[in-house]
Amino acid sequence: MSTVGFTVLIPARLASSRLPNKPLADIAGLPMVVRVALQARQSAASRVVVAADSAAIVQACADHGIEAILTRADHPSGSDRLAEACTQLGLDGDDMVVNVQGDEPLIDPALIDAVAQVLANAPSASMGTAAHPIATLADYLNPNVVKVVCNAQGLAHYFSRAPIPFNRDHANVQWWSESSSHAPLRHVGIYAYKAGFLRNFPQLTPAPTEQLEALEQLRAMWHGHQIAVHITHKAPGAGVDTPEDLERVRGLLHKA
């Protein structure tokens, strides 16, 4: 369990091209964003707040005792929404924030704690995140599976949709086992930030690498910020991006 104090912020946007009204989608009797918040409450967070772009989301949270704030509807990214939330909540400087995505109803509370702790343990870093060993060649080659390479201090070298690190001698075969120390790592999209950094992040110039890879965390690295990486051997629960994902998660919770 994390020994540091932190706030969980959950950005929630009503519009979604693949799954309209996604935060309010019913999962076993509760809106999805409420399920995410309830999972986050099982972490060591001192506060869990939904940062919504719609009064309907704020009301749904209020109906289930979840704190929520209304943010602008025109933010270009979740990071911009979180920066506004930090301002509304009076968070700044070294206050720690963990960003839990609003479409992760199966998020492990222990992972939230671990990401907060990995940032607390790396005073030179502005962000913390997580990764786990890749199990299959298909995932390693899949551009939708983001990979990360770390240095000896557990800080990220680079994130990419490309298969990294690239094994020159065994490019098209699986040359590792999931338990090996040199297995490639899949990035898990959960972040811890220092609130002062998060509030300033939207003002940073977008990086060429960020635009090429469509990976926002590369902007931080481009500007010299370090990202500490927690390595877990437990793959995260399924997120919800499509109607098929929603039905799968409903089935898992129905069986639970």
C-alpha atoms as a PDB file:
ATOM      1  CA  MET A   1       0.000   0.000   0.000  1.00  0.00           C
ATOM      2  CA  SER A   2       1.194   3.506  -0.805  1.00  0.00           C
ATOM      3  CA  THR A   3       2.555   5.485   2.124  1.00  0.00           C
ATOM      4  CA  VAL A   4       2.170   8.862   0.382  1.00  0.00           C
ATOM      5  CA  GLY A   5      -0.840  11.146   0.262  1.00  0.00           C
ATOM      6  CA  PHE A   6      -2.463  11.662  -3.119  1.00  0.00           C
ATOM      7  CA  THR A   7      -5.682  12.588  -4.886  1.00  0.00           C
ATOM      8  CA  VAL A   8      -7.196  10.434  -7.629  1.00  0.00           C
ATOM      9  CA  LEU A   9      -8.623  12.426 -10.520  1.00  0.00           C
ATOM     10  CA  ILE A  10     -10.843  10.647 -13.044  1.00  0.00           C
ATOM     11  CA  PRO A  11     -11.404  12.568 -16.308  1.00  0.00           C
ATOM     12  CA  ALA A  12     -14.790  11.750 -17.828  1.00  0.00           C
ATOM     13  CA  ARG A  13     -15.971  12.962 -21.228  1.00  0.00           C
ATOM     14  CA  LEU A  14     -19.522  12.290 -22.382  1.00  0.00           C
ATOM     15  CA  ALA A  15     -18.782  12.282 -26.109  1.00  0.00           C
ATOM     16  CA  SER A  16     -17.210   9.133 -27.532  1.00  0.00           C
ATOM     17  CA  SER A  17     -17.233   8.176 -31.189  1.00  0.00           C
ATOM     18  CA  ARG A  18     -17.101   4.437 -30.507  1.00  0.00           C
ATOM     19  CA  LEU A  19     -19.331   4.320 -27.423  1.00  0.00           C
ATOM     20  CA  PRO A  20     -21.681   7.305 -26.944  1.00  0.00           C
ATOM     21  CA  ASN A  21     -22.319   8.388 -23.325  1.00  0.00           C
ATOM     22  CA  LYS A  22     -19.606   5.979 -22.226  1.00  0.00           C
ATOM     23  CA  PRO A  23     -19.150   7.267 -18.630  1.00  0.00           C
ATOM     24  CA  LEU A  24     -22.851   6.675 -17.950  1.00  0.00           C
ATOM     25  CA  ALA A  25     -22.999   3.192 -19.469  1.00  0.00           C
ATOM     26  CA  ASP A  26     -24.666   0.797 -17.041  1.00  0.00           C
ATOM     27  CA  ILE A  27     -22.431  -1.912 -15.605  1.00  0.00           C
ATOM     28  CA  ALA A  28     -24.204  -4.203 -13.156  1.00  0.00           C
ATOM     29  CA  GLY A  29     -26.525  -1.425 -12.004  1.00  0.00           C
ATOM     30  CA  LEU A  30     -24.015   1.438 -11.748  1.00  0.00           C
ATOM     31  CA  PRO A  31     -22.716   3.998 -14.253  1.00  0.00           C
ATOM     32  CA  MET A  32     -19.236   3.063 -15.446  1.00  0.00           C
ATOM     33  CA  VAL A  33     -17.578   6.207 -14.058  1.00  0.00           C
ATOM     34  CA  VAL A  34     -19.080   5.450 -10.635  1.00  0.00           C
ATOM     35  CA  ARG A  35     -17.630   1.933 -10.758  1.00  0.00           C
ATOM     36  CA  VAL A  36     -14.212   3.405 -11.574  1.00  0.00           C
ATOM     37  CA  ALA A  37     -14.472   5.826  -8.644  1.00  0.00           C
ATOM     38  CA  LEU A  38     -15.529   3.054  -6.258  1.00  0.00           C
ATOM     39  CA  GLN A  39     -12.478   1.024  -7.292  1.00  0.00           C
ATOM     40  CA  ALA A  40     -10.266   4.070  -6.755  1.00  0.00           C
ATOM     41  CA  ARG A  41     -11.752   4.562  -3.279  1.00  0.00           C
ATOM     42  CA  GLN A  42     -10.265   1.189  -2.310  1.00  0.00           C
ATOM     43  CA  SER A  43      -6.785   2.641  -2.872  1.00  0.00           C
ATOM     44  CA  ALA A  44      -4.891   4.723  -0.313  1.00  0.00           C
ATOM     45  CA  ALA A  45      -6.048   7.968  -1.970  1.00  0.00           C
ATOM     46  CA  SER A  46      -7.117  10.701   0.421  1.00  0.00           C
ATOM     47  CA  ARG A  47      -9.648  11.959  -2.128  1.00  0.00           C
ATOM     48  CA  VAL A  48     -11.277  10.659  -5.323  1.00  0.00           C
ATOM     49  CA  VAL A  49     -12.747  13.250  -7.703  1.00  0.00           C
ATOM     50  CA  VAL A  50     -14.354  12.868 -11.130  1.00  0.00           C
ATOM     51  CA  ALA A  51     -13.501  15.737 -13.533  1.00  0.00           C
ATOM     52  CA  ALA A  52     -16.455  15.769 -15.931  1.00  0.00           C
ATOM     53  CA  ASP A  53     -17.362  17.723 -19.042  1.00  0.00           C
ATOM     54  CA  SER A  54     -21.100  17.279 -18.526  1.00  0.00           C
ATOM     55  CA  ALA A  55     -23.594  18.102 -15.792  1.00  0.00           C
ATOM     56  CA  ALA A  56     -25.169  14.683 -16.419  1.00  0.00           C
ATOM     57  CA  ILE A  57     -21.960  12.988 -15.273  1.00  0.00           C
ATOM     58  CA  VAL A  58     -21.699  15.234 -12.216  1.00  0.00           C
ATOM     59  CA  GLN A  59     -25.292  14.391 -11.300  1.00  0.00           C
ATOM     60  CA  ALA A  60     -24.786  10.656 -11.789  1.00  0.00           C
ATOM     61  CA  CYS A  61     -21.783  10.798  -9.462  1.00  0.00           C
ATOM     62  CA  ALA A  62     -23.707  12.838  -6.875  1.00  0.00           C
ATOM     63  CA  ASP A  63     -26.522  10.276  -6.964  1.00  0.00           C
ATOM     64  CA  HIS A  64     -24.021   7.642  -5.796  1.00  0.00           C
ATOM     65  CA  GLY A  65     -22.031   9.734  -3.308  1.00  0.00           C
ATOM     66  CA  ILE A  66     -19.054  10.350  -5.612  1.00  0.00           C
ATOM     67  CA  GLU A  67     -17.383  13.776  -5.607  1.00  0.00           C
ATOM     68  CA  ALA A  68     -17.351  15.350  -9.080  1.00  0.00           C
ATOM     69  CA  ILE A  69     -16.570  18.754 -10.562  1.00  0.00           C
ATOM     70  CA  LEU A  70     -17.660  20.273 -13.860  1.00  0.00           C
ATOM     71  CA  THR A  71     -14.841  21.285 -16.207  1.00  0.00           C
ATOM     72  CA  ARG A  72     -14.885  22.948 -19.589  1.00  0.00           C
ATOM     73  CA  ALA A  73     -16.262  20.889 -22.471  1.00  0.00           C
ATOM     74  CA  ASP A  74     -13.686  22.049 -25.026  1.00  0.00           C
ATOM     75  CA  HIS A  75     -10.498  20.587 -23.559  1.00  0.00           C
ATOM     76  CA  PRO A  76      -8.396  18.914 -26.287  1.00  0.00           C
ATOM     77  CA  SER A  77      -7.086  16.190 -23.965  1.00  0.00           C
ATOM     78  CA  GLY A  78      -7.561  14.546 -20.601  1.00  0.00           C
ATOM     79  CA  SER A  79      -4.415  16.250 -19.317  1.00  0.00           C
ATOM     80  CA  ASP A  80      -5.926  19.667 -20.014  1.00  0.00           C
ATOM     81  CA  ARG A  81      -9.062  18.622 -18.120  1.00  0.00           C
ATOM     82  CA  LEU A  82      -6.953  17.442 -15.179  1.00  0.00           C
ATOM     83  CA  ALA A  83      -4.987  20.696 -15.161  1.00  0.00           C
ATOM     84  CA  GLU A  84      -8.245  22.635 -14.779  1.00  0.00           C
ATOM     85  CA  ALA A  85      -9.346  20.224 -12.046  1.00  0.00           C
ATOM     86  CA  CYS A  86      -6.103  20.868 -10.129  1.00  0.00           C
ATOM     87  CA  THR A  87      -6.834  24.592 -10.271  1.00  0.00           C
ATOM     88  CA  GLN A  88     -10.441  24.138  -9.132  1.00  0.00           C
ATOM     89  CA  LEU A  89      -9.344  21.918  -6.244  1.00  0.00           C
ATOM     90  CA  GLY A  90      -6.468  24.167  -5.200  1.00  0.00           C
ATOM     91  CA  LEU A  91      -3.795  21.518  -5.857  1.00  0.00           C
ATOM     92  CA  ASP A  92      -0.332  22.782  -6.685  1.00  0.00           C
ATOM     93  CA  GLY A  93       3.375  22.279  -6.219  1.00  0.00           C
ATOM     94  CA  ASP A  94       4.291  18.851  -4.899  1.00  0.00           C
ATOM     95  CA  ASP A  95       0.688  17.731  -4.248  1.00  0.00           C
ATOM     96  CA  MET A  96       0.373  14.337  -5.903  1.00  0.00           C
ATOM     97  CA  VAL A  97      -2.356  13.391  -8.348  1.00  0.00           C
ATOM     98  CA  VAL A  98      -3.049   9.976  -9.862  1.00  0.00           C
ATOM     99  CA  ASN A  99      -4.942  10.010 -13.157  1.00  0.00           C
ATOM    100  CA  VAL A 100      -7.250   6.995 -13.425  1.00  0.00           C
ATOM    101  CA  GLN A 101      -9.056   6.729 -16.749  1.00  0.00           C
ATOM    102  CA  GLY A 102     -12.841   6.854 -16.575  1.00  0.00           C
ATOM    103  CA  ASP A 103     -13.194   3.721 -18.704  1.00  0.00           C
ATOM    104  CA  GLU A 104     -11.266   1.364 -16.385  1.00  0.00           C
ATOM    105  CA  PRO A 105     -13.985  -0.155 -14.152  1.00  0.00           C
ATOM    106  CA  LEU A 106     -11.717  -3.082 -13.243  1.00  0.00           C
ATOM    107  CA  ILE A 107      -8.722  -0.945 -12.191  1.00  0.00           C
ATOM    108  CA  ASP A 108      -6.739  -2.579  -9.389  1.00  0.00           C
ATOM    109  CA  PRO A 109      -6.538  -0.270  -6.330  1.00  0.00           C
ATOM    110  CA  ALA A 110      -3.085  -1.681  -5.576  1.00  0.00           C
ATOM    111  CA  LEU A 111      -1.862  -0.447  -8.967  1.00  0.00           C
ATOM    112  CA  ILE A 112      -3.071   3.061  -8.132  1.00  0.00           C
ATOM    113  CA  ASP A 113      -1.068   2.955  -4.899  1.00  0.00           C
ATOM    114  CA  ALA A 114       2.005   1.580  -6.660  1.00  0.00           C
ATOM    115  CA  VAL A 115       2.044   4.322  -9.289  1.00  0.00           C
ATOM    116  CA  ALA A 116       1.794   6.989  -6.586  1.00  0.00           C
ATOM    117  CA  GLN A 117       4.626   5.329  -4.676  1.00  0.00           C
ATOM    118  CA  VAL A 118       6.938   4.997  -7.693  1.00  0.00           C
ATOM    119  CA  LEU A 119       6.718   8.762  -8.242  1.00  0.00           C
ATOM    120  CA  ALA A 120       7.255   9.471  -4.532  1.00  0.00           C
ATOM    121  CA  ASN A 121      10.380   7.293  -4.665  1.00  0.00           C
ATOM    122  CA  ALA A 122      11.822   9.194  -7.643  1.00  0.00           C
ATOM    123  CA  PRO A 123      12.300  12.830  -6.582  1.00  0.00           C
ATOM    124  CA  SER A 124      13.823  13.745  -9.956  1.00  0.00           C
ATOM    125  CA  ALA A 125      10.691  12.608 -11.836  1.00  0.00           C
ATOM    126  CA  SER A 126       7.631  14.692 -12.681  1.00  0.00           C
ATOM    127  CA  MET A 127       5.445  11.714 -13.552  1.00  0.00           C
ATOM    128  CA  GLY A 128       4.966   8.068 -12.644  1.00  0.00           C
ATOM    129  CA  THR A 129       3.334   5.300 -14.659  1.00  0.00           C
ATOM    130  CA  ALA A 130       3.239   1.510 -14.966  1.00  0.00           C
ATOM    131  CA  ALA A 131       4.141  -1.309 -17.326  1.00  0.00           C
ATOM    132  CA  HIS A 132       4.040  -5.100 -17.437  1.00  0.00           C
ATOM    133  CA  PRO A 133       5.932  -7.753 -19.428  1.00  0.00           C
ATOM    134  CA  ILE A 134       4.505  -8.538 -22.852  1.00  0.00           C
ATOM    135  CA  ALA A 135       3.386 -12.147 -23.192  1.00  0.00           C
ATOM    136  CA  THR A 136       2.980 -12.623 -26.948  1.00  0.00           C
ATOM    137  CA  LEU A 137       4.676 -11.716 -30.210  1.00  0.00           C
ATOM    138  CA  ALA A 138       1.335 -10.386 -31.500  1.00  0.00           C
ATOM    139  CA  ASP A 139       1.188  -7.790 -28.714  1.00  0.00           C
ATOM    140  CA  TYR A 140       4.840  -6.882 -29.254  1.00  0.00           C
ATOM    141  CA  LEU A 141       4.176  -6.172 -32.938  1.00  0.00           C
ATOM    142  CA  ASN A 142       0.768  -4.500 -32.411  1.00  0.00           C
ATOM    143  CA  PRO A 143       0.968  -0.685 -32.814  1.00  0.00           C
ATOM    144  CA  ASN A 144      -2.052  -0.322 -30.509  1.00  0.00           C
ATOM    145  CA  VAL A 145       0.058  -1.838 -27.710  1.00  0.00           C
ATOM    146  CA  VAL A 146       2.345   0.928 -26.474  1.00  0.00           C
ATOM    147  CA  LYS A 147       5.798  -0.213 -25.410  1.00  0.00           C
ATOM    148  CA  VAL A 148       8.239   1.422 -22.983  1.00  0.00           C
ATOM    149  CA  VAL A 149      11.978   0.925 -22.427  1.00  0.00           C
ATOM    150  CA  CYS A 150      13.443   1.883 -19.033  1.00  0.00           C
ATOM    151  CA  ASN A 151      16.924   2.666 -17.755  1.00  0.00           C
ATOM    152  CA  ALA A 152      18.717   1.180 -14.741  1.00  0.00           C
ATOM    153  CA  GLN A 153      17.009   3.650 -12.390  1.00  0.00           C
ATOM    154  CA  GLY A 154      13.525   2.614 -13.530  1.00  0.00           C
ATOM    155  CA  LEU A 155      12.969   5.808 -15.513  1.00  0.00           C
ATOM    156  CA  ALA A 156      11.489   5.711 -19.009  1.00  0.00           C
ATOM    157  CA  HIS A 157      13.918   5.947 -21.943  1.00  0.00           C
ATOM    158  CA  TYR A 158      11.172   6.093 -24.583  1.00  0.00           C
ATOM    159  CA  PHE A 159       7.591   5.076 -25.325  1.00  0.00           C
ATOM    160  CA  SER A 160       6.629   3.812 -28.765  1.00  0.00           C
ATOM    161  CA  ARG A 161       4.011   1.989 -30.785  1.00  0.00           C
ATOM    162  CA  ALA A 162       6.899   0.275 -32.557  1.00  0.00           C
ATOM    163  CA  PRO A 163       8.340  -3.011 -31.226  1.00  0.00           C
ATOM    164  CA  ILE A 164      11.007  -1.824 -28.788  1.00  0.00           C
ATOM    165  CA  PRO A 165      13.550  -2.891 -27.792  1.00  0.00           C
ATOM    166  CA  PHE A 166      14.131  -4.342 -31.253  1.00  0.00           C
ATOM    167  CA  ASN A 167      16.011  -7.626 -31.299  1.00  0.00           C
ATOM    168  CA  ARG A 168      18.198  -7.448 -34.384  1.00  0.00           C
ATOM    169  CA  ASP A 169      18.836 -11.196 -34.546  1.00  0.00           C
ATOM    170  CA  HIS A 170      15.290 -12.389 -33.800  1.00  0.00           C
ATOM    171  CA  ALA A 171      13.058  -9.713 -35.271  1.00  0.00           C
ATOM    172  CA  ASN A 172      10.078 -11.875 -36.234  1.00  0.00           C
ATOM    173  CA  VAL A 173      10.039 -14.523 -33.525  1.00  0.00           C
ATOM    174  CA  GLN A 174       9.213 -14.432 -29.831  1.00  0.00           C
ATOM    175  CA  TRP A 175      12.672 -14.307 -28.295  1.00  0.00           C
ATOM    176  CA  TRP A 176      11.631 -13.936 -24.641  1.00  0.00           C
ATOM    177  CA  SER A 177       9.469 -15.485 -21.971  1.00  0.00           C
ATOM    178  CA  GLU A 178       7.030 -13.312 -20.023  1.00  0.00           C
ATOM    179  CA  SER A 179       8.942 -14.007 -16.815  1.00  0.00           C
ATOM    180  CA  SER A 180      12.374 -13.164 -18.266  1.00  0.00           C
ATOM    181  CA  SER A 181      14.228 -10.067 -17.124  1.00  0.00           C
ATOM    182  CA  HIS A 182      14.534  -8.831 -20.720  1.00  0.00           C
ATOM    183  CA  ALA A 183      10.902  -9.201 -21.794  1.00  0.00           C
ATOM    184  CA  PRO A 184       9.601  -6.108 -23.606  1.00  0.00           C
ATOM    185  CA  LEU A 185       7.226  -3.987 -21.546  1.00  0.00           C
ATOM    186  CA  ARG A 186       3.668  -2.926 -22.321  1.00  0.00           C
ATOM    187  CA  HIS A 187       2.805   0.531 -21.051  1.00  0.00           C
ATOM    188  CA  VAL A 188      -0.254   0.764 -18.795  1.00  0.00           C
ATOM    189  CA  GLY A 189      -2.110   4.073 -19.177  1.00  0.00           C
ATOM    190  CA  ILE A 190      -2.226   5.219 -15.569  1.00  0.00           C
ATOM    191  CA  TYR A 191      -0.216   8.243 -14.425  1.00  0.00           C
ATOM    192  CA  ALA A 192       0.876   9.936 -11.233  1.00  0.00           C
ATOM    193  CA  TYR A 193       1.853  13.597 -11.433  1.00  0.00           C
ATOM    194  CA  LYS A 194       3.067  16.382  -9.249  1.00  0.00           C
ATOM    195  CA  ALA A 195       0.186  18.847  -9.466  1.00  0.00           C
ATOM    196  CA  GLY A 196       2.446  21.797 -10.247  1.00  0.00           C
ATOM    197  CA  PHE A 197       3.776  19.955 -13.301  1.00  0.00           C
ATOM    198  CA  LEU A 198       0.291  18.895 -14.366  1.00  0.00           C
ATOM    199  CA  ARG A 199      -1.029  22.452 -14.217  1.00  0.00           C
ATOM    200  CA  ASN A 200       1.822  23.621 -16.475  1.00  0.00           C
ATOM    201  CA  PHE A 201       1.756  20.675 -18.875  1.00  0.00           C
ATOM    202  CA  PRO A 202      -0.840  22.118 -21.324  1.00  0.00           C
ATOM    203  CA  GLN A 203       1.461  25.117 -21.889  1.00  0.00           C
ATOM    204  CA  LEU A 204       4.344  22.919 -23.076  1.00  0.00           C
ATOM    205  CA  THR A 205       4.902  22.919 -26.827  1.00  0.00           C
ATOM    206  CA  PRO A 206       3.789  19.600 -28.387  1.00  0.00           C
ATOM    207  CA  ALA A 207       6.770  17.418 -29.290  1.00  0.00           C
ATOM    208  CA  PRO A 208       7.470  16.094 -32.809  1.00  0.00           C
ATOM    209  CA  THR A 209       7.713  12.579 -31.349  1.00  0.00           C
ATOM    210  CA  GLU A 210       4.362  13.032 -29.601  1.00  0.00           C
ATOM    211  CA  GLN A 211       2.728  14.018 -32.888  1.00  0.00           C
ATOM    212  CA  LEU A 212       4.301  11.123 -34.790  1.00  0.00           C
ATOM    213  CA  GLU A 213       3.467   8.453 -32.207  1.00  0.00           C
ATOM    214  CA  ALA A 214       0.234  10.039 -30.896  1.00  0.00           C
ATOM    215  CA  LEU A 215       1.548   9.574 -27.341  1.00  0.00           C
ATOM    216  CA  GLU A 216       1.106  12.594 -25.083  1.00  0.00           C
ATOM    217  CA  GLN A 217       3.672  11.453 -22.495  1.00  0.00           C
ATOM    218  CA  LEU A 218       6.429  12.040 -25.058  1.00  0.00           C
ATOM    219  CA  ARG A 219       5.806  15.793 -24.704  1.00  0.00           C
ATOM    220  CA  ALA A 220       6.994  15.610 -21.100  1.00  0.00           C
ATOM    221  CA  MET A 221      10.127  13.707 -22.089  1.00  0.00           C
ATOM    222  CA  TRP A 222      10.838  16.056 -24.995  1.00  0.00           C
ATOM    223  CA  HIS A 223      10.972  18.932 -22.514  1.00  0.00           C
ATOM    224  CA  GLY A 224      13.326  17.080 -20.175  1.00  0.00           C
ATOM    225  CA  HIS A 225      10.877  15.710 -17.608  1.00  0.00           C
ATOM    226  CA  GLN A 226      11.495  12.230 -16.241  1.00  0.00           C
ATOM    227  CA  ILE A 227       8.869   9.499 -15.916  1.00  0.00           C
ATOM    228  CA  ALA A 228       9.292   6.786 -13.264  1.00  0.00           C
ATOM    229  CA  VAL A 229       7.896   3.368 -14.223  1.00  0.00           C
ATOM    230  CA  HIS A 230       6.414   0.783 -11.861  1.00  0.00           C
ATOM    231  CA  ILE A 231       6.819  -2.746 -13.265  1.00  0.00           C
ATOM    232  CA  THR A 232       4.025  -5.146 -12.401  1.00  0.00           C
ATOM    233  CA  HIS A 233       3.639  -8.756 -13.482  1.00  0.00           C
ATOM    234  CA  LYS A 234      -0.141  -8.511 -13.278  1.00  0.00           C
ATOM    235  CA  ALA A 235      -1.838  -7.275 -16.440  1.00  0.00           C
ATOM    236  CA  PRO A 236      -4.556  -4.691 -15.731  1.00  0.00           C
ATOM    237  CA  GLY A 237      -8.252  -5.474 -16.022  1.00  0.00           C
ATOM    238  CA  ALA A 238     -10.023  -4.828 -19.293  1.00  0.00           C
ATOM    239  CA  GLY A 239     -10.819  -1.227 -20.220  1.00  0.00           C
ATOM    240  CA  VAL A 240     -13.904  -0.166 -22.173  1.00  0.00           C
ATOM    241  CA  ASP A 241     -13.502   1.453 -25.596  1.00  0.00           C
ATOM    242  CA  THR A 242     -16.165  -0.290 -27.681  1.00  0.00           C
ATOM    243  CA  PRO A 243     -19.634  -1.852 -27.234  1.00  0.00           C
ATOM    244  CA  GLU A 244     -17.913  -5.256 -27.320  1.00  0.00           C
ATOM    245  CA  ASP A 245     -15.612  -4.232 -24.462  1.00  0.00           C
ATOM    246  CA  LEU A 246     -18.646  -3.072 -22.483  1.00  0.00           C
ATOM    247  CA  GLU A 247     -20.402  -6.411 -22.878  1.00  0.00           C
ATOM    248  CA  ARG A 248     -17.251  -8.282 -21.858  1.00  0.00           C
ATOM    249  CA  VAL A 249     -16.861  -6.250 -18.660  1.00  0.00           C
ATOM    250  CA  ARG A 250     -20.565  -6.625 -17.877  1.00  0.00           C
ATOM    251  CA  GLY A 251     -20.147 -10.370 -18.198  1.00  0.00           C
ATOM    252  CA  LEU A 252     -17.108 -10.419 -15.911  1.00  0.00           C
ATOM    253  CA  LEU A 253     -18.882  -8.434 -13.179  1.00  0.00           C
ATOM    254  CA  HIS A 254     -22.051 -10.463 -13.567  1.00  0.00           C
ATOM    255  CA  LYS A 255     -20.045 -13.634 -12.808  1.00  0.00           C
ATOM    256  CA  ALA A 256     -18.225 -12.040  -9.860  1.00  0.00           C
END
